[in-house]
Amino acid sequence: MATLKWTLFLCLLICFFTNGLTEEIQAKSGDDVILNCRDPSNGNILVLRWIRPDLKAKGYVYFFRESRSYEQYQYPSFHGRVKLRDPQMKDGDFSVILNHFSINDTGTYECYVGRNNTGSDPEIINIIHLKVKADQENITAKSGDHVTLPCHVPQNTQILVVEWIRPDLEPEYVFLYKNGQSHPDHQHPSFKTRAELKDGGMKDGNLSVILKNVTITDTGTYECHIYQSQRNHTMSIINLDVHQSGHDEHGGDKDGDVGLTVTVMVGVIVVMFAAGFGFVKYRKWKKTQNAQL
């Protein structure tokens, strides 16, 4: 029983400290992002390392040692893009600014600090999960319209898979691109032959799809996901609201139908009026004939 209590205590302790270290940040392409790291402990800093464990090549996001930074030790994609928020690192502020965020910067960042009064290896201070902030847009359309669902990524982004989905459907695929081609067999039946890439070559990172001849049943939320080196990014969330157009569900023109109905009703009224007028005239003529007899 005592062992179980200690196990639960250690689990809670680990969860507490892990949650305290972890932070999630969402950013859009082109943003300047602050990766927070703060430790006001005593002692002069000897080394500061910002790393991204998922990068295969050796290198740092940012490396500082003995009062200066070393760009030559950085992973190439971070050259000239990372700097200390406070060059003096006052009050233990070891945060860095990452300029011009792109989808390729998505990942986990870890901040390690070593001090000259400890004599031990640098210890982890903070963990940042940096993600893409999805674009959100509301689109209104009329039945019969061709609608473009927008989704874009930075040019030259490596793309393995593009998924356009509608989570409330089964199967959920509106459009699927994988291994260099589309896969209509995986689409929901209602989207077959109606959903296609706006730019088949996806030049300039254009992953938008065109949805043809929309109907009221196409109303819903659409999500654009891309997979890049097995990592999933949600790039766009589109809320589509389709209204009935001036055509009825059988393709007829409602306004035309109304006009025809009014014309017919007017015709009927005229005929009835003429018939009534003729009947009155007939009654008067009949009375006159009877009086002469």
C-alpha atoms as a PDB file:
ATOM      1  CA  MET A   1       0.000   0.000   0.000  1.00  0.00           C
ATOM      2  CA  ALA A   2       2.836   2.349   0.926  1.00  0.00           C
ATOM      3  CA  THR A   3       4.572   1.581  -2.379  1.00  0.00           C
ATOM      4  CA  LEU A   4       1.402   2.472  -4.295  1.00  0.00           C
ATOM      5  CA  LYS A   5       1.110   5.787  -2.441  1.00  0.00           C
ATOM      6  CA  TRP A   6       4.721   6.679  -3.233  1.00  0.00           C
ATOM      7  CA  THR A   7       4.193   5.755  -6.889  1.00  0.00           C
ATOM      8  CA  LEU A   8       1.134   8.006  -7.121  1.00  0.00           C
ATOM      9  CA  PHE A   9       3.005  10.811  -5.359  1.00  0.00           C
ATOM     10  CA  LEU A  10       5.933  10.573  -7.789  1.00  0.00           C
ATOM     11  CA  CYS A  11       3.559  10.547 -10.791  1.00  0.00           C
ATOM     12  CA  LEU A  12       1.821  13.677  -9.531  1.00  0.00           C
ATOM     13  CA  LEU A  13       5.171  15.324  -8.860  1.00  0.00           C
ATOM     14  CA  ILE A  14       6.439  14.514 -12.368  1.00  0.00           C
ATOM     15  CA  CYS A  15       3.212  15.760 -13.963  1.00  0.00           C
ATOM     16  CA  PHE A  16       3.385  18.969 -11.938  1.00  0.00           C
ATOM     17  CA  PHE A  17       6.929  19.831 -12.963  1.00  0.00           C
ATOM     18  CA  THR A  18       6.440  18.719 -16.563  1.00  0.00           C
ATOM     19  CA  ASN A  19       3.398  20.933 -16.966  1.00  0.00           C
ATOM     20  CA  GLY A  20       5.313  23.793 -15.424  1.00  0.00           C
ATOM     21  CA  LEU A  21       8.057  23.432 -18.043  1.00  0.00           C
ATOM     22  CA  THR A  22       5.868  23.062 -21.102  1.00  0.00           C
ATOM     23  CA  GLU A  23       4.317  25.833 -23.169  1.00  0.00           C
ATOM     24  CA  GLU A  24       2.471  25.822 -26.495  1.00  0.00           C
ATOM     25  CA  ILE A  25       2.717  28.703 -28.972  1.00  0.00           C
ATOM     26  CA  GLN A  26       0.864  29.127 -32.253  1.00  0.00           C
ATOM     27  CA  ALA A  27       2.126  31.447 -34.982  1.00  0.00           C
ATOM     28  CA  LYS A  28       1.356  32.428 -38.560  1.00  0.00           C
ATOM     29  CA  SER A  29       3.786  32.471 -41.442  1.00  0.00           C
ATOM     30  CA  GLY A  30       5.939  35.597 -41.295  1.00  0.00           C
ATOM     31  CA  ASP A  31       5.428  36.227 -37.560  1.00  0.00           C
ATOM     32  CA  ASP A  32       8.268  36.992 -35.174  1.00  0.00           C
ATOM     33  CA  VAL A  33       7.932  34.516 -32.298  1.00  0.00           C
ATOM     34  CA  ILE A  34       9.244  34.833 -28.740  1.00  0.00           C
ATOM     35  CA  LEU A  35      10.431  31.525 -27.249  1.00  0.00           C
ATOM     36  CA  ASN A  36      10.232  32.087 -23.515  1.00  0.00           C
ATOM     37  CA  CYS A  37      12.858  30.888 -21.062  1.00  0.00           C
ATOM     38  CA  ARG A  38      13.364  32.446 -17.635  1.00  0.00           C
ATOM     39  CA  ASP A  39      15.353  31.306 -14.604  1.00  0.00           C
ATOM     40  CA  PRO A  40      16.236  33.948 -11.985  1.00  0.00           C
ATOM     41  CA  SER A  41      18.541  31.556 -10.073  1.00  0.00           C
ATOM     42  CA  ASN A  42      21.814  32.938  -8.711  1.00  0.00           C
ATOM     43  CA  GLY A  43      25.099  32.526 -10.553  1.00  0.00           C
ATOM     44  CA  ASN A  44      26.526  33.863 -13.786  1.00  0.00           C
ATOM     45  CA  ILE A  45      25.528  32.051 -16.945  1.00  0.00           C
ATOM     46  CA  LEU A  46      28.237  29.950 -18.532  1.00  0.00           C
ATOM     47  CA  VAL A  47      26.296  28.439 -21.433  1.00  0.00           C
ATOM     48  CA  LEU A  48      22.829  28.786 -23.016  1.00  0.00           C
ATOM     49  CA  ARG A  49      21.546  26.267 -25.544  1.00  0.00           C
ATOM     50  CA  TRP A  50      18.331  26.330 -27.481  1.00  0.00           C
ATOM     51  CA  ILE A  51      17.823  23.041 -29.336  1.00  0.00           C
ATOM     52  CA  ARG A  52      15.189  21.307 -31.449  1.00  0.00           C
ATOM     53  CA  PRO A  53      15.495  17.538 -30.813  1.00  0.00           C
ATOM     54  CA  ASP A  54      13.639  16.521 -33.989  1.00  0.00           C
ATOM     55  CA  LEU A  55      16.289  17.997 -36.289  1.00  0.00           C
ATOM     56  CA  LYS A  56      18.479  15.205 -37.586  1.00  0.00           C
ATOM     57  CA  ALA A  57      21.542  17.279 -38.442  1.00  0.00           C
ATOM     58  CA  LYS A  58      23.804  18.485 -35.641  1.00  0.00           C
ATOM     59  CA  GLY A  59      23.260  22.056 -34.704  1.00  0.00           C
ATOM     60  CA  TYR A  60      21.556  24.458 -32.327  1.00  0.00           C
ATOM     61  CA  VAL A  61      18.687  26.881 -32.651  1.00  0.00           C
ATOM     62  CA  TYR A  62      20.825  29.267 -30.582  1.00  0.00           C
ATOM     63  CA  PHE A  63      24.143  28.786 -28.778  1.00  0.00           C
ATOM     64  CA  PHE A  64      25.717  31.165 -26.247  1.00  0.00           C
ATOM     65  CA  ARG A  65      28.894  30.575 -24.255  1.00  0.00           C
ATOM     66  CA  GLU A  66      31.322  32.750 -22.320  1.00  0.00           C
ATOM     67  CA  SER A  67      29.627  36.072 -23.081  1.00  0.00           C
ATOM     68  CA  ARG A  68      29.035  35.609 -26.812  1.00  0.00           C
ATOM     69  CA  SER A  69      26.840  33.764 -29.283  1.00  0.00           C
ATOM     70  CA  TYR A  70      28.158  31.354 -31.928  1.00  0.00           C
ATOM     71  CA  GLU A  71      26.198  31.399 -35.163  1.00  0.00           C
ATOM     72  CA  GLN A  72      28.514  28.844 -36.748  1.00  0.00           C
ATOM     73  CA  TYR A  73      27.120  26.215 -34.349  1.00  0.00           C
ATOM     74  CA  GLN A  74      23.533  26.868 -35.397  1.00  0.00           C
ATOM     75  CA  TYR A  75      21.426  24.725 -37.668  1.00  0.00           C
ATOM     76  CA  PRO A  76      21.642  26.511 -41.083  1.00  0.00           C
ATOM     77  CA  SER A  77      17.950  27.454 -41.295  1.00  0.00           C
ATOM     78  CA  PHE A  78      18.308  29.548 -38.114  1.00  0.00           C
ATOM     79  CA  HIS A  79      21.295  31.641 -39.247  1.00  0.00           C
ATOM     80  CA  GLY A  80      20.519  35.325 -38.820  1.00  0.00           C
ATOM     81  CA  ARG A  81      17.003  34.643 -37.512  1.00  0.00           C
ATOM     82  CA  VAL A  82      17.473  34.053 -33.768  1.00  0.00           C
ATOM     83  CA  LYS A  83      18.570  36.589 -31.146  1.00  0.00           C
ATOM     84  CA  LEU A  84      18.245  37.125 -27.415  1.00  0.00           C
ATOM     85  CA  ARG A  85      15.230  39.134 -26.338  1.00  0.00           C
ATOM     86  CA  ASP A  86      17.426  40.793 -23.718  1.00  0.00           C
ATOM     87  CA  PRO A  87      21.130  40.748 -24.699  1.00  0.00           C
ATOM     88  CA  GLN A  88      22.028  41.379 -21.038  1.00  0.00           C
ATOM     89  CA  MET A  89      19.840  38.479 -19.875  1.00  0.00           C
ATOM     90  CA  LYS A  90      18.828  40.479 -16.815  1.00  0.00           C
ATOM     91  CA  ASP A  91      16.762  38.699 -14.163  1.00  0.00           C
ATOM     92  CA  GLY A  92      17.498  35.374 -15.811  1.00  0.00           C
ATOM     93  CA  ASP A  93      15.683  36.122 -19.081  1.00  0.00           C
ATOM     94  CA  PHE A  94      17.075  33.633 -21.622  1.00  0.00           C
ATOM     95  CA  SER A  95      14.216  34.036 -24.102  1.00  0.00           C
ATOM     96  CA  VAL A  96      15.020  34.280 -27.802  1.00  0.00           C
ATOM     97  CA  ILE A  97      13.183  35.870 -30.738  1.00  0.00           C
ATOM     98  CA  LEU A  98      12.709  33.736 -33.850  1.00  0.00           C
ATOM     99  CA  ASN A  99      12.168  35.995 -36.864  1.00  0.00           C
ATOM    100  CA  HIS A 100      10.019  35.212 -39.906  1.00  0.00           C
ATOM    101  CA  PHE A 101       8.315  32.046 -38.692  1.00  0.00           C
ATOM    102  CA  SER A 102       7.514  29.475 -41.379  1.00  0.00           C
ATOM    103  CA  ILE A 103       5.894  26.052 -41.371  1.00  0.00           C
ATOM    104  CA  ASN A 104       9.375  24.495 -41.377  1.00  0.00           C
ATOM    105  CA  ASP A 105       9.960  25.990 -37.906  1.00  0.00           C
ATOM    106  CA  THR A 106       7.170  23.903 -36.389  1.00  0.00           C
ATOM    107  CA  GLY A 107       8.481  21.630 -33.661  1.00  0.00           C
ATOM    108  CA  THR A 108       9.593  21.358 -30.030  1.00  0.00           C
ATOM    109  CA  TYR A 109      12.193  23.776 -28.671  1.00  0.00           C
ATOM    110  CA  GLU A 110      14.138  23.190 -25.444  1.00  0.00           C
ATOM    111  CA  CYS A 111      16.055  25.752 -23.412  1.00  0.00           C
ATOM    112  CA  TYR A 112      19.121  24.566 -21.432  1.00  0.00           C
ATOM    113  CA  VAL A 113      21.097  26.746 -19.044  1.00  0.00           C
ATOM    114  CA  GLY A 114      24.455  26.045 -17.358  1.00  0.00           C
ATOM    115  CA  ARG A 115      25.969  28.246 -14.653  1.00  0.00           C
ATOM    116  CA  ASN A 116      29.570  28.545 -13.560  1.00  0.00           C
ATOM    117  CA  ASN A 117      28.728  28.008  -9.902  1.00  0.00           C
ATOM    118  CA  THR A 118      27.163  24.573 -10.335  1.00  0.00           C
ATOM    119  CA  GLY A 119      29.869  22.580 -12.071  1.00  0.00           C
ATOM    120  CA  SER A 120      27.188  20.347 -13.615  1.00  0.00           C
ATOM    121  CA  ASP A 121      25.759  19.937 -17.119  1.00  0.00           C
ATOM    122  CA  PRO A 122      23.251  22.532 -18.382  1.00  0.00           C
ATOM    123  CA  GLU A 123      19.744  21.790 -17.147  1.00  0.00           C
ATOM    124  CA  ILE A 124      16.489  22.161 -19.005  1.00  0.00           C
ATOM    125  CA  ILE A 125      14.496  25.258 -18.077  1.00  0.00           C
ATOM    126  CA  ASN A 126      11.625  25.327 -20.543  1.00  0.00           C
ATOM    127  CA  ILE A 127      10.025  23.370 -23.405  1.00  0.00           C
ATOM    128  CA  ILE A 128       8.138  25.166 -26.188  1.00  0.00           C
ATOM    129  CA  HIS A 129       5.809  23.423 -28.647  1.00  0.00           C
ATOM    130  CA  LEU A 130       5.655  25.779 -31.636  1.00  0.00           C
ATOM    131  CA  LYS A 131       2.786  25.176 -34.060  1.00  0.00           C
ATOM    132  CA  VAL A 132       1.151  26.738 -37.087  1.00  0.00           C
ATOM    133  CA  LYS A 133      -1.866  28.903 -36.338  1.00  0.00           C
ATOM    134  CA  ALA A 134      -4.562  27.914 -38.820  1.00  0.00           C
ATOM    135  CA  ASP A 135      -6.236  30.563 -40.967  1.00  0.00           C
ATOM    136  CA  GLN A 136      -9.985  30.736 -40.359  1.00  0.00           C
ATOM    137  CA  GLU A 137     -12.513  32.134 -42.777  1.00  0.00           C
ATOM    138  CA  ASN A 138     -16.288  32.248 -43.204  1.00  0.00           C
ATOM    139  CA  ILE A 139     -17.618  31.849 -46.750  1.00  0.00           C
ATOM    140  CA  THR A 140     -21.228  32.324 -47.865  1.00  0.00           C
ATOM    141  CA  ALA A 141     -22.445  30.944 -51.193  1.00  0.00           C
ATOM    142  CA  LYS A 142     -25.618  30.188 -53.113  1.00  0.00           C
ATOM    143  CA  SER A 143     -26.593  26.752 -54.340  1.00  0.00           C
ATOM    144  CA  GLY A 144     -25.124  26.123 -57.764  1.00  0.00           C
ATOM    145  CA  ASP A 145     -22.039  28.289 -57.151  1.00  0.00           C
ATOM    146  CA  HIS A 146     -18.448  27.109 -57.611  1.00  0.00           C
ATOM    147  CA  VAL A 147     -16.654  27.868 -54.310  1.00  0.00           C
ATOM    148  CA  THR A 148     -12.903  28.129 -53.686  1.00  0.00           C
ATOM    149  CA  LEU A 149     -11.800  26.848 -50.265  1.00  0.00           C
ATOM    150  CA  PRO A 150      -8.474  28.672 -49.684  1.00  0.00           C
ATOM    151  CA  CYS A 151      -5.342  27.054 -48.218  1.00  0.00           C
ATOM    152  CA  HIS A 152      -1.753  28.243 -48.682  1.00  0.00           C
ATOM    153  CA  VAL A 153       1.702  27.320 -47.392  1.00  0.00           C
ATOM    154  CA  PRO A 154       5.018  29.103 -47.952  1.00  0.00           C
ATOM    155  CA  GLN A 155       6.649  28.523 -51.318  1.00  0.00           C
ATOM    156  CA  ASN A 156       9.035  25.541 -51.515  1.00  0.00           C
ATOM    157  CA  THR A 157       7.430  23.829 -48.510  1.00  0.00           C
ATOM    158  CA  GLN A 158       7.981  20.066 -48.654  1.00  0.00           C
ATOM    159  CA  ILE A 159       4.549  18.426 -48.840  1.00  0.00           C
ATOM    160  CA  LEU A 160       3.916  14.705 -48.491  1.00  0.00           C
ATOM    161  CA  VAL A 161       0.134  14.681 -48.126  1.00  0.00           C
ATOM    162  CA  VAL A 162      -2.710  17.197 -48.500  1.00  0.00           C
ATOM    163  CA  GLU A 163      -6.020  16.396 -46.826  1.00  0.00           C
ATOM    164  CA  TRP A 164      -9.195  18.418 -47.159  1.00  0.00           C
ATOM    165  CA  ILE A 165     -11.684  16.987 -44.688  1.00  0.00           C
ATOM    166  CA  ARG A 166     -15.120  17.651 -43.234  1.00  0.00           C
ATOM    167  CA  PRO A 167     -14.984  16.095 -39.745  1.00  0.00           C
ATOM    168  CA  ASP A 168     -18.754  15.579 -39.472  1.00  0.00           C
ATOM    169  CA  LEU A 169     -18.826  13.181 -42.454  1.00  0.00           C
ATOM    170  CA  GLU A 170     -17.858   9.508 -42.789  1.00  0.00           C
ATOM    171  CA  PRO A 171     -15.608   9.134 -44.680  1.00  0.00           C
ATOM    172  CA  GLU A 172     -14.421  12.644 -43.934  1.00  0.00           C
ATOM    173  CA  TYR A 173     -12.299  13.258 -47.039  1.00  0.00           C
ATOM    174  CA  VAL A 174     -13.392  16.058 -49.339  1.00  0.00           C
ATOM    175  CA  PHE A 175     -10.129  15.779 -51.287  1.00  0.00           C
ATOM    176  CA  LEU A 176      -6.969  13.711 -50.766  1.00  0.00           C
ATOM    177  CA  TYR A 177      -3.562  14.210 -52.423  1.00  0.00           C
ATOM    178  CA  LYS A 178      -0.813  11.680 -51.697  1.00  0.00           C
ATOM    179  CA  ASN A 179       2.248  10.310 -53.485  1.00  0.00           C
ATOM    180  CA  GLY A 180       1.980  12.911 -56.201  1.00  0.00           C
ATOM    181  CA  GLN A 181      -1.651  12.291 -57.158  1.00  0.00           C
ATOM    182  CA  SER A 182      -5.240  12.641 -55.989  1.00  0.00           C
ATOM    183  CA  HIS A 183      -7.180   9.672 -54.594  1.00  0.00           C
ATOM    184  CA  PRO A 184     -10.894   9.980 -55.472  1.00  0.00           C
ATOM    185  CA  ASP A 185     -11.581   6.489 -54.100  1.00  0.00           C
ATOM    186  CA  HIS A 186     -11.116   7.878 -50.586  1.00  0.00           C
ATOM    187  CA  GLN A 187     -13.481  10.824 -51.049  1.00  0.00           C
ATOM    188  CA  HIS A 188     -16.928  11.037 -49.554  1.00  0.00           C
ATOM    189  CA  PRO A 189     -19.342  10.069 -52.393  1.00  0.00           C
ATOM    190  CA  SER A 190     -20.950  13.529 -52.455  1.00  0.00           C
ATOM    191  CA  PHE A 191     -17.628  15.172 -53.424  1.00  0.00           C
ATOM    192  CA  LYS A 192     -16.514  12.848 -56.212  1.00  0.00           C
ATOM    193  CA  THR A 193     -16.075  14.773 -59.488  1.00  0.00           C
ATOM    194  CA  ARG A 194     -16.937  18.016 -57.640  1.00  0.00           C
ATOM    195  CA  ALA A 195     -13.732  18.759 -55.656  1.00  0.00           C
ATOM    196  CA  GLU A 196     -10.403  19.475 -57.330  1.00  0.00           C
ATOM    197  CA  LEU A 197      -7.208  21.452 -56.699  1.00  0.00           C
ATOM    198  CA  LYS A 198      -7.353  25.034 -57.905  1.00  0.00           C
ATOM    199  CA  ASP A 199      -3.747  24.647 -59.056  1.00  0.00           C
ATOM    200  CA  GLY A 200      -2.944  21.056 -59.963  1.00  0.00           C
ATOM    201  CA  GLY A 201       0.783  21.775 -59.649  1.00  0.00           C
ATOM    202  CA  MET A 202       0.341  23.471 -56.243  1.00  0.00           C
ATOM    203  CA  LYS A 203       2.733  26.214 -57.376  1.00  0.00           C
ATOM    204  CA  ASP A 204       3.620  28.888 -54.814  1.00  0.00           C
ATOM    205  CA  GLY A 205       2.137  26.695 -52.064  1.00  0.00           C
ATOM    206  CA  ASN A 206      -1.460  27.016 -53.292  1.00  0.00           C
ATOM    207  CA  LEU A 207      -3.398  24.061 -51.810  1.00  0.00           C
ATOM    208  CA  SER A 208      -6.869  25.552 -52.359  1.00  0.00           C
ATOM    209  CA  VAL A 209      -9.653  23.368 -53.739  1.00  0.00           C
ATOM    210  CA  ILE A 210     -12.636  24.268 -55.892  1.00  0.00           C
ATOM    211  CA  LEU A 211     -15.968  22.787 -54.836  1.00  0.00           C
ATOM    212  CA  LYS A 212     -18.356  22.786 -57.801  1.00  0.00           C
ATOM    213  CA  ASN A 213     -22.132  23.184 -57.834  1.00  0.00           C
ATOM    214  CA  VAL A 214     -22.542  23.517 -54.084  1.00  0.00           C
ATOM    215  CA  THR A 215     -25.830  22.670 -52.420  1.00  0.00           C
ATOM    216  CA  ILE A 216     -27.274  23.320 -48.981  1.00  0.00           C
ATOM    217  CA  THR A 217     -25.921  19.937 -47.843  1.00  0.00           C
ATOM    218  CA  ASP A 218     -22.386  21.268 -48.423  1.00  0.00           C
ATOM    219  CA  THR A 219     -22.820  23.648 -45.490  1.00  0.00           C
ATOM    220  CA  GLY A 220     -20.249  22.765 -42.825  1.00  0.00           C
ATOM    221  CA  THR A 221     -16.679  23.169 -41.574  1.00  0.00           C
ATOM    222  CA  TYR A 222     -13.786  22.239 -43.861  1.00  0.00           C
ATOM    223  CA  GLU A 223     -10.187  21.721 -42.728  1.00  0.00           C
ATOM    224  CA  CYS A 224      -6.991  21.755 -44.789  1.00  0.00           C
ATOM    225  CA  HIS A 225      -4.227  19.534 -43.331  1.00  0.00           C
ATOM    226  CA  ILE A 226      -0.766  18.913 -44.714  1.00  0.00           C
ATOM    227  CA  TYR A 227       1.774  16.293 -43.705  1.00  0.00           C
ATOM    228  CA  GLN A 228       5.418  17.247 -43.823  1.00  0.00           C
ATOM    229  CA  SER A 229       7.970  14.621 -42.789  1.00  0.00           C
ATOM    230  CA  GLN A 230       5.198  12.772 -40.921  1.00  0.00           C
ATOM    231  CA  ARG A 231       4.163  15.940 -39.031  1.00  0.00           C
ATOM    232  CA  ASN A 232       0.566  17.095 -39.393  1.00  0.00           C
ATOM    233  CA  HIS A 233      -0.247  20.795 -39.722  1.00  0.00           C
ATOM    234  CA  THR A 234      -3.729  22.316 -39.837  1.00  0.00           C
ATOM    235  CA  MET A 235      -3.410  25.203 -42.286  1.00  0.00           C
ATOM    236  CA  SER A 236      -6.981  26.408 -42.876  1.00  0.00           C
ATOM    237  CA  ILE A 237     -10.415  26.091 -41.301  1.00  0.00           C
ATOM    238  CA  ILE A 238     -13.270  27.201 -43.552  1.00  0.00           C
ATOM    239  CA  ASN A 239     -16.876  27.597 -42.402  1.00  0.00           C
ATOM    240  CA  LEU A 240     -19.043  27.308 -45.520  1.00  0.00           C
ATOM    241  CA  ASP A 241     -22.679  28.414 -45.412  1.00  0.00           C
ATOM    242  CA  VAL A 242     -24.712  27.626 -48.545  1.00  0.00           C
ATOM    243  CA  HIS A 243     -28.097  29.280 -49.080  1.00  0.00           C
ATOM    244  CA  GLN A 244     -30.847  28.314 -51.488  1.00  0.00           C
ATOM    245  CA  SER A 245     -30.665  30.331 -54.702  1.00  0.00           C
ATOM    246  CA  GLY A 246     -33.607  31.600 -56.780  1.00  0.00           C
ATOM    247  CA  HIS A 247     -34.053  28.063 -58.160  1.00  0.00           C
ATOM    248  CA  ASP A 248     -36.149  25.413 -56.504  1.00  0.00           C
ATOM    249  CA  GLU A 249     -34.744  22.000 -55.762  1.00  0.00           C
ATOM    250  CA  HIS A 250     -35.923  20.709 -59.142  1.00  0.00           C
ATOM    251  CA  GLY A 251     -34.033  23.424 -60.998  1.00  0.00           C
ATOM    252  CA  GLY A 252     -36.995  25.736 -61.677  1.00  0.00           C
ATOM    253  CA  ASP A 253     -36.827  29.503 -61.266  1.00  0.00           C
ATOM    254  CA  LYS A 254     -38.827  30.476 -58.203  1.00  0.00           C
ATOM    255  CA  ASP A 255     -39.260  34.094 -59.357  1.00  0.00           C
ATOM    256  CA  GLY A 256     -40.449  32.853 -62.742  1.00  0.00           C
ATOM    257  CA  ASP A 257     -42.907  30.490 -61.078  1.00  0.00           C
ATOM    258  CA  VAL A 258     -44.278  33.341 -58.965  1.00  0.00           C
ATOM    259  CA  GLY A 259     -44.710  35.529 -62.045  1.00  0.00           C
ATOM    260  CA  LEU A 260     -46.528  32.755 -63.887  1.00  0.00           C
ATOM    261  CA  THR A 261     -48.807  32.150 -60.920  1.00  0.00           C
ATOM    262  CA  VAL A 262     -49.724  35.851 -60.697  1.00  0.00           C
ATOM    263  CA  THR A 263     -50.444  35.980 -64.446  1.00  0.00           C
ATOM    264  CA  VAL A 264     -52.731  32.937 -64.224  1.00  0.00           C
ATOM    265  CA  MET A 265     -54.569  34.368 -61.204  1.00  0.00           C
ATOM    266  CA  VAL A 266     -55.126  37.696 -62.975  1.00  0.00           C
ATOM    267  CA  GLY A 267     -56.438  35.830 -66.019  1.00  0.00           C
ATOM    268  CA  VAL A 268     -58.861  33.842 -63.883  1.00  0.00           C
ATOM    269  CA  ILE A 269     -60.115  37.021 -62.191  1.00  0.00           C
ATOM    270  CA  VAL A 270     -60.683  38.713 -65.558  1.00  0.00           C
ATOM    271  CA  VAL A 271     -62.582  35.710 -66.860  1.00  0.00           C
ATOM    272  CA  MET A 272     -64.710  35.558 -63.695  1.00  0.00           C
ATOM    273  CA  PHE A 273     -65.415  39.283 -63.894  1.00  0.00           C
ATOM    274  CA  ALA A 274     -66.420  38.999 -67.544  1.00  0.00           C
ATOM    275  CA  ALA A 275     -68.639  36.033 -66.764  1.00  0.00           C
ATOM    276  CA  GLY A 276     -70.295  37.911 -63.912  1.00  0.00           C
ATOM    277  CA  PHE A 277     -70.828  40.997 -66.018  1.00  0.00           C
ATOM    278  CA  GLY A 278     -72.342  38.894 -68.796  1.00  0.00           C
ATOM    279  CA  PHE A 279     -74.676  37.160 -66.354  1.00  0.00           C
ATOM    280  CA  VAL A 280     -75.963  40.518 -65.025  1.00  0.00           C
ATOM    281  CA  LYS A 281     -76.566  41.773 -68.559  1.00  0.00           C
ATOM    282  CA  TYR A 282     -78.404  38.539 -69.390  1.00  0.00           C
ATOM    283  CA  ARG A 283     -80.664  38.919 -66.289  1.00  0.00           C
ATOM    284  CA  LYS A 284     -81.577  42.481 -67.322  1.00  0.00           C
ATOM    285  CA  TRP A 285     -82.339  41.394 -70.884  1.00  0.00           C
ATOM    286  CA  LYS A 286     -84.463  38.510 -69.623  1.00  0.00           C
ATOM    287  CA  LYS A 287     -86.540  40.862 -67.406  1.00  0.00           C
ATOM    288  CA  THR A 288     -87.113  43.190 -70.343  1.00  0.00           C
ATOM    289  CA  GLN A 289     -88.359  40.339 -72.503  1.00  0.00           C
ATOM    290  CA  ASN A 290     -90.763  39.125 -69.802  1.00  0.00           C
ATOM    291  CA  ALA A 291     -92.199  42.630 -69.345  1.00  0.00           C
ATOM    292  CA  GLN A 292     -92.985  42.939 -73.048  1.00  0.00           C
ATOM    293  CA  LEU A 293     -94.930  39.692 -73.007  1.00  0.00           C
END
